[in-house]
């Protein structure tokens, strides 16, 4: 079996290895289709699109479902995640 993004099985397999419920997971990626939309279709709680790597202006509106947020980099993604974390 070949397994890769944007297959829901890819994301769910990773979460199973981490013993993490999909609803609690946040995907951070630079690919609006493979990373963000793929993760959201797999049921992850949120997906953030970073303006690095493969990102091109307008990617945040090209695919459905859309990212929960568009952030500048991994540091901004971490800030977004921690600001919403249950304490």
N, C-alpha and C. Protein backbone atom coordinates (compact mmCIF):
# COMPACT_ATOMS: atom_id res chain seq x y z
N UNK A 1 0.84 -1.17 0.00
CA UNK A 1 0.00 0.00 0.00
C UNK A 1 0.89 1.24 0.00
N UNK A 2 0.60 2.17 -0.89
CA UNK A 2 1.29 3.45 -0.92
C UNK A 2 0.44 4.45 -0.18
N UNK A 3 1.04 5.17 0.72
CA UNK A 3 0.30 6.09 1.56
C UNK A 3 0.97 7.45 1.54
N UNK A 4 0.22 8.49 1.20
CA UNK A 4 0.79 9.83 1.18
C UNK A 4 -0.29 10.89 1.20
N UNK A 5 0.14 12.12 1.32
CA UNK A 5 -0.80 13.25 1.33
C UNK A 5 -1.37 13.42 -0.06
N UNK A 6 -2.61 13.78 -0.22
CA UNK A 6 -3.58 14.21 0.78
C UNK A 6 -4.53 13.11 1.26
N UNK A 7 -4.13 11.86 1.17
CA UNK A 7 -4.98 10.75 1.61
C UNK A 7 -5.32 10.87 3.10
N UNK A 8 -6.60 10.76 3.45
CA UNK A 8 -6.96 10.78 4.87
C UNK A 8 -6.22 9.70 5.67
N UNK A 9 -5.97 8.55 5.05
CA UNK A 9 -5.26 7.47 5.75
C UNK A 9 -3.86 7.90 6.19
N UNK A 10 -3.22 8.76 5.41
CA UNK A 10 -1.90 9.27 5.77
C UNK A 10 -1.95 10.00 7.11
N UNK A 11 -2.89 10.94 7.22
CA UNK A 11 -3.01 11.74 8.43
C UNK A 11 -3.47 10.89 9.61
N UNK A 12 -4.44 10.02 9.38
CA UNK A 12 -4.97 9.19 10.46
C UNK A 12 -3.94 8.19 10.96
N UNK A 13 -3.09 7.69 10.08
CA UNK A 13 -2.03 6.79 10.48
C UNK A 13 -1.02 7.51 11.38
N UNK A 14 -0.66 8.72 11.01
CA UNK A 14 0.27 9.50 11.84
C UNK A 14 -0.33 9.77 13.22
N UNK A 15 -1.60 10.10 13.25
CA UNK A 15 -2.25 10.38 14.53
C UNK A 15 -2.36 9.13 15.39
N UNK A 16 -2.59 7.99 14.77
CA UNK A 16 -2.67 6.74 15.52
C UNK A 16 -1.33 6.44 16.17
N UNK A 17 -0.24 6.68 15.44
CA UNK A 17 1.09 6.46 16.01
C UNK A 17 1.36 7.38 17.20
N UNK A 18 0.73 8.55 17.20
CA UNK A 18 0.93 9.52 18.29
C UNK A 18 -0.12 9.37 19.39
N UNK A 19 -1.11 8.49 19.16
CA UNK A 19 -2.24 8.34 20.08
C UNK A 19 -2.92 9.69 20.31
N UNK A 20 -3.17 10.38 19.21
CA UNK A 20 -3.78 11.72 19.25
C UNK A 20 -5.11 11.71 18.51
N UNK A 21 -6.19 12.12 19.16
CA UNK A 21 -7.48 12.21 18.46
C UNK A 21 -7.40 13.26 17.35
N UNK A 22 -8.01 12.97 16.22
CA UNK A 22 -7.97 13.89 15.08
C UNK A 22 -8.46 15.29 15.46
N UNK A 23 -9.49 15.37 16.25
CA UNK A 23 -10.07 16.66 16.62
C UNK A 23 -9.10 17.53 17.42
N UNK A 24 -8.10 16.91 18.05
CA UNK A 24 -7.12 17.64 18.85
C UNK A 24 -5.89 18.04 18.05
N UNK A 25 -5.77 17.58 16.82
CA UNK A 25 -4.57 17.79 16.02
C UNK A 25 -4.66 19.06 15.18
N UNK A 26 -3.50 19.66 14.97
CA UNK A 26 -3.37 20.83 14.09
C UNK A 26 -2.26 20.51 13.09
N UNK A 27 -2.57 20.62 11.81
CA UNK A 27 -1.59 20.44 10.74
C UNK A 27 -1.03 21.80 10.39
N UNK A 28 0.28 21.89 10.23
CA UNK A 28 0.93 23.12 9.77
C UNK A 28 1.67 22.76 8.50
N UNK A 29 1.35 23.45 7.42
CA UNK A 29 2.00 23.12 6.16
C UNK A 29 2.04 24.28 5.19
N UNK A 30 2.84 24.10 4.14
CA UNK A 30 2.99 25.14 3.12
C UNK A 30 2.25 24.80 1.83
N UNK A 31 1.54 23.67 1.81
CA UNK A 31 0.80 23.22 0.63
C UNK A 31 -0.69 23.24 0.95
N UNK A 32 -1.40 24.17 0.33
CA UNK A 32 -2.82 24.36 0.64
C UNK A 32 -3.66 23.13 0.30
N UNK A 33 -3.28 22.40 -0.73
CA UNK A 33 -4.07 21.22 -1.11
C UNK A 33 -3.64 19.98 -0.35
N UNK A 34 -2.38 19.62 -0.44
CA UNK A 34 -1.90 18.37 0.15
C UNK A 34 -1.84 18.40 1.66
N UNK A 35 -1.38 19.51 2.23
CA UNK A 35 -1.24 19.61 3.68
C UNK A 35 -2.55 20.04 4.34
N UNK A 36 -3.02 21.21 3.97
CA UNK A 36 -4.15 21.84 4.67
C UNK A 36 -5.48 21.17 4.35
N UNK A 37 -5.88 21.18 3.09
CA UNK A 37 -7.18 20.60 2.72
C UNK A 37 -7.19 19.10 3.02
N UNK A 38 -6.07 18.42 2.78
CA UNK A 38 -6.00 16.99 3.07
C UNK A 38 -6.22 16.70 4.54
N UNK A 39 -5.57 17.47 5.40
CA UNK A 39 -5.71 17.28 6.84
C UNK A 39 -7.14 17.55 7.30
N UNK A 40 -7.72 18.61 6.80
CA UNK A 40 -9.09 18.95 7.20
C UNK A 40 -10.09 17.90 6.71
N UNK A 41 -9.88 17.38 5.51
CA UNK A 41 -10.77 16.32 5.01
C UNK A 41 -10.63 15.05 5.84
N UNK A 42 -9.48 14.86 6.46
CA UNK A 42 -9.26 13.69 7.32
C UNK A 42 -9.84 13.88 8.71
N UNK A 43 -10.35 15.08 8.99
CA UNK A 43 -11.00 15.32 10.27
C UNK A 43 -10.14 15.99 11.33
N UNK A 44 -8.97 16.47 10.95
CA UNK A 44 -8.15 17.16 11.93
C UNK A 44 -8.85 18.43 12.40
N UNK A 45 -8.56 18.81 13.63
CA UNK A 45 -9.24 19.95 14.24
C UNK A 45 -8.97 21.27 13.57
N UNK A 46 -7.77 21.45 13.03
CA UNK A 46 -7.42 22.70 12.35
C UNK A 46 -6.22 22.45 11.46
N UNK A 47 -6.05 23.32 10.48
CA UNK A 47 -4.88 23.28 9.61
C UNK A 47 -4.48 24.70 9.29
N UNK A 48 -3.18 24.98 9.44
CA UNK A 48 -2.64 26.31 9.20
C UNK A 48 -1.77 26.28 7.96
N UNK A 49 -1.89 27.31 7.16
CA UNK A 49 -1.06 27.46 5.97
C UNK A 49 0.01 28.50 6.25
N UNK A 50 1.27 28.11 6.07
CA UNK A 50 2.38 29.04 6.30
C UNK A 50 2.83 29.64 4.98
N UNK A 51 3.24 30.90 5.03
CA UNK A 51 3.72 31.62 3.85
C UNK A 51 5.20 31.34 3.60
N UNK A 52 5.57 30.08 3.57
CA UNK A 52 6.95 29.68 3.31
C UNK A 52 6.93 28.54 2.30
N UNK A 53 8.09 28.13 1.82
CA UNK A 53 8.20 26.96 0.96
C UNK A 53 7.36 27.03 -0.30
N UNK A 54 6.40 26.12 -0.43
CA UNK A 54 5.56 26.01 -1.63
C UNK A 54 4.48 27.08 -1.73
N UNK A 55 4.20 27.77 -0.63
CA UNK A 55 3.11 28.76 -0.62
C UNK A 55 3.30 29.81 -1.71
N UNK A 56 2.18 30.17 -2.35
CA UNK A 56 2.12 31.28 -3.30
C UNK A 56 0.92 32.13 -2.93
N UNK A 57 1.03 33.46 -3.08
CA UNK A 57 -0.10 34.34 -2.73
C UNK A 57 -1.41 33.85 -3.37
N UNK A 58 -2.44 33.79 -2.57
CA UNK A 58 -3.75 33.34 -3.03
C UNK A 58 -4.03 31.87 -2.79
N UNK A 59 -3.00 31.09 -2.42
CA UNK A 59 -3.22 29.66 -2.17
C UNK A 59 -4.29 29.42 -1.11
N UNK A 60 -4.41 30.34 -0.17
CA UNK A 60 -5.38 30.15 0.93
C UNK A 60 -6.82 30.12 0.46
N UNK A 61 -7.09 30.59 -0.76
CA UNK A 61 -8.47 30.60 -1.28
C UNK A 61 -8.67 29.61 -2.43
N UNK A 62 -7.65 28.86 -2.80
CA UNK A 62 -7.73 27.98 -3.97
C UNK A 62 -8.35 26.62 -3.69
N UNK A 63 -8.35 26.17 -2.45
CA UNK A 63 -8.80 24.81 -2.15
C UNK A 63 -9.83 24.83 -1.03
N UNK A 64 -10.68 23.80 -1.06
CA UNK A 64 -11.71 23.66 -0.04
C UNK A 64 -11.51 22.30 0.63
N UNK A 65 -11.46 22.25 1.92
CA UNK A 65 -11.69 23.33 2.88
C UNK A 65 -10.47 24.26 3.00
N UNK A 66 -10.79 25.48 3.39
CA UNK A 66 -9.77 26.52 3.53
C UNK A 66 -9.04 26.38 4.87
N UNK A 67 -7.83 26.92 4.95
CA UNK A 67 -7.10 26.84 6.22
C UNK A 67 -7.79 27.60 7.34
N UNK A 68 -7.56 27.18 8.56
CA UNK A 68 -8.09 27.89 9.73
C UNK A 68 -7.42 29.25 9.85
N UNK A 69 -6.16 29.33 9.41
CA UNK A 69 -5.43 30.60 9.46
C UNK A 69 -4.28 30.55 8.47
N UNK A 70 -3.89 31.72 8.02
CA UNK A 70 -2.71 31.92 7.19
C UNK A 70 -1.69 32.62 8.08
N UNK A 71 -0.52 32.02 8.27
CA UNK A 71 0.50 32.58 9.17
C UNK A 71 1.81 32.73 8.42
N UNK A 72 2.67 33.60 8.94
CA UNK A 72 3.91 33.90 8.24
C UNK A 72 4.93 32.76 8.26
N UNK A 73 5.04 32.07 9.38
CA UNK A 73 6.09 31.06 9.53
C UNK A 73 5.74 30.11 10.67
N UNK A 74 6.66 29.18 10.97
CA UNK A 74 6.40 28.20 12.02
C UNK A 74 6.27 28.84 13.39
N UNK A 75 7.01 29.89 13.64
CA UNK A 75 6.89 30.58 14.94
C UNK A 75 5.48 31.15 15.10
N UNK A 76 4.95 31.75 14.05
CA UNK A 76 3.59 32.29 14.10
C UNK A 76 2.57 31.17 14.23
N UNK A 77 2.83 30.03 13.60
CA UNK A 77 1.93 28.87 13.73
C UNK A 77 1.92 28.39 15.18
N UNK A 78 3.09 28.29 15.79
CA UNK A 78 3.16 27.86 17.19
C UNK A 78 2.42 28.83 18.09
N UNK A 79 2.57 30.11 17.84
CA UNK A 79 1.85 31.12 18.63
C UNK A 79 0.34 30.95 18.48
N UNK A 80 -0.13 30.70 17.26
CA UNK A 80 -1.56 30.49 17.00
C UNK A 80 -2.05 29.28 17.79
N UNK A 81 -1.29 28.20 17.74
CA UNK A 81 -1.68 26.97 18.43
C UNK A 81 -1.72 27.18 19.94
N UNK A 82 -0.65 27.74 20.49
CA UNK A 82 -0.59 27.94 21.95
C UNK A 82 -1.64 28.92 22.45
N UNK A 83 -2.01 29.88 21.62
CA UNK A 83 -3.02 30.85 22.05
C UNK A 83 -4.40 30.23 22.16
N UNK A 84 -4.59 29.06 21.54
CA UNK A 84 -5.87 28.39 21.56
C UNK A 84 -5.87 27.11 22.39
N UNK A 85 -4.73 26.77 22.94
CA UNK A 85 -4.59 25.52 23.70
C UNK A 85 -5.36 25.60 25.01
N UNK A 86 -5.99 24.49 25.34
CA UNK A 86 -6.69 24.40 26.64
C UNK A 86 -5.63 24.27 27.73
N UNK A 87 -5.85 25.00 28.77
CA UNK A 87 -4.87 24.97 29.87
C UNK A 87 -5.42 24.14 31.01
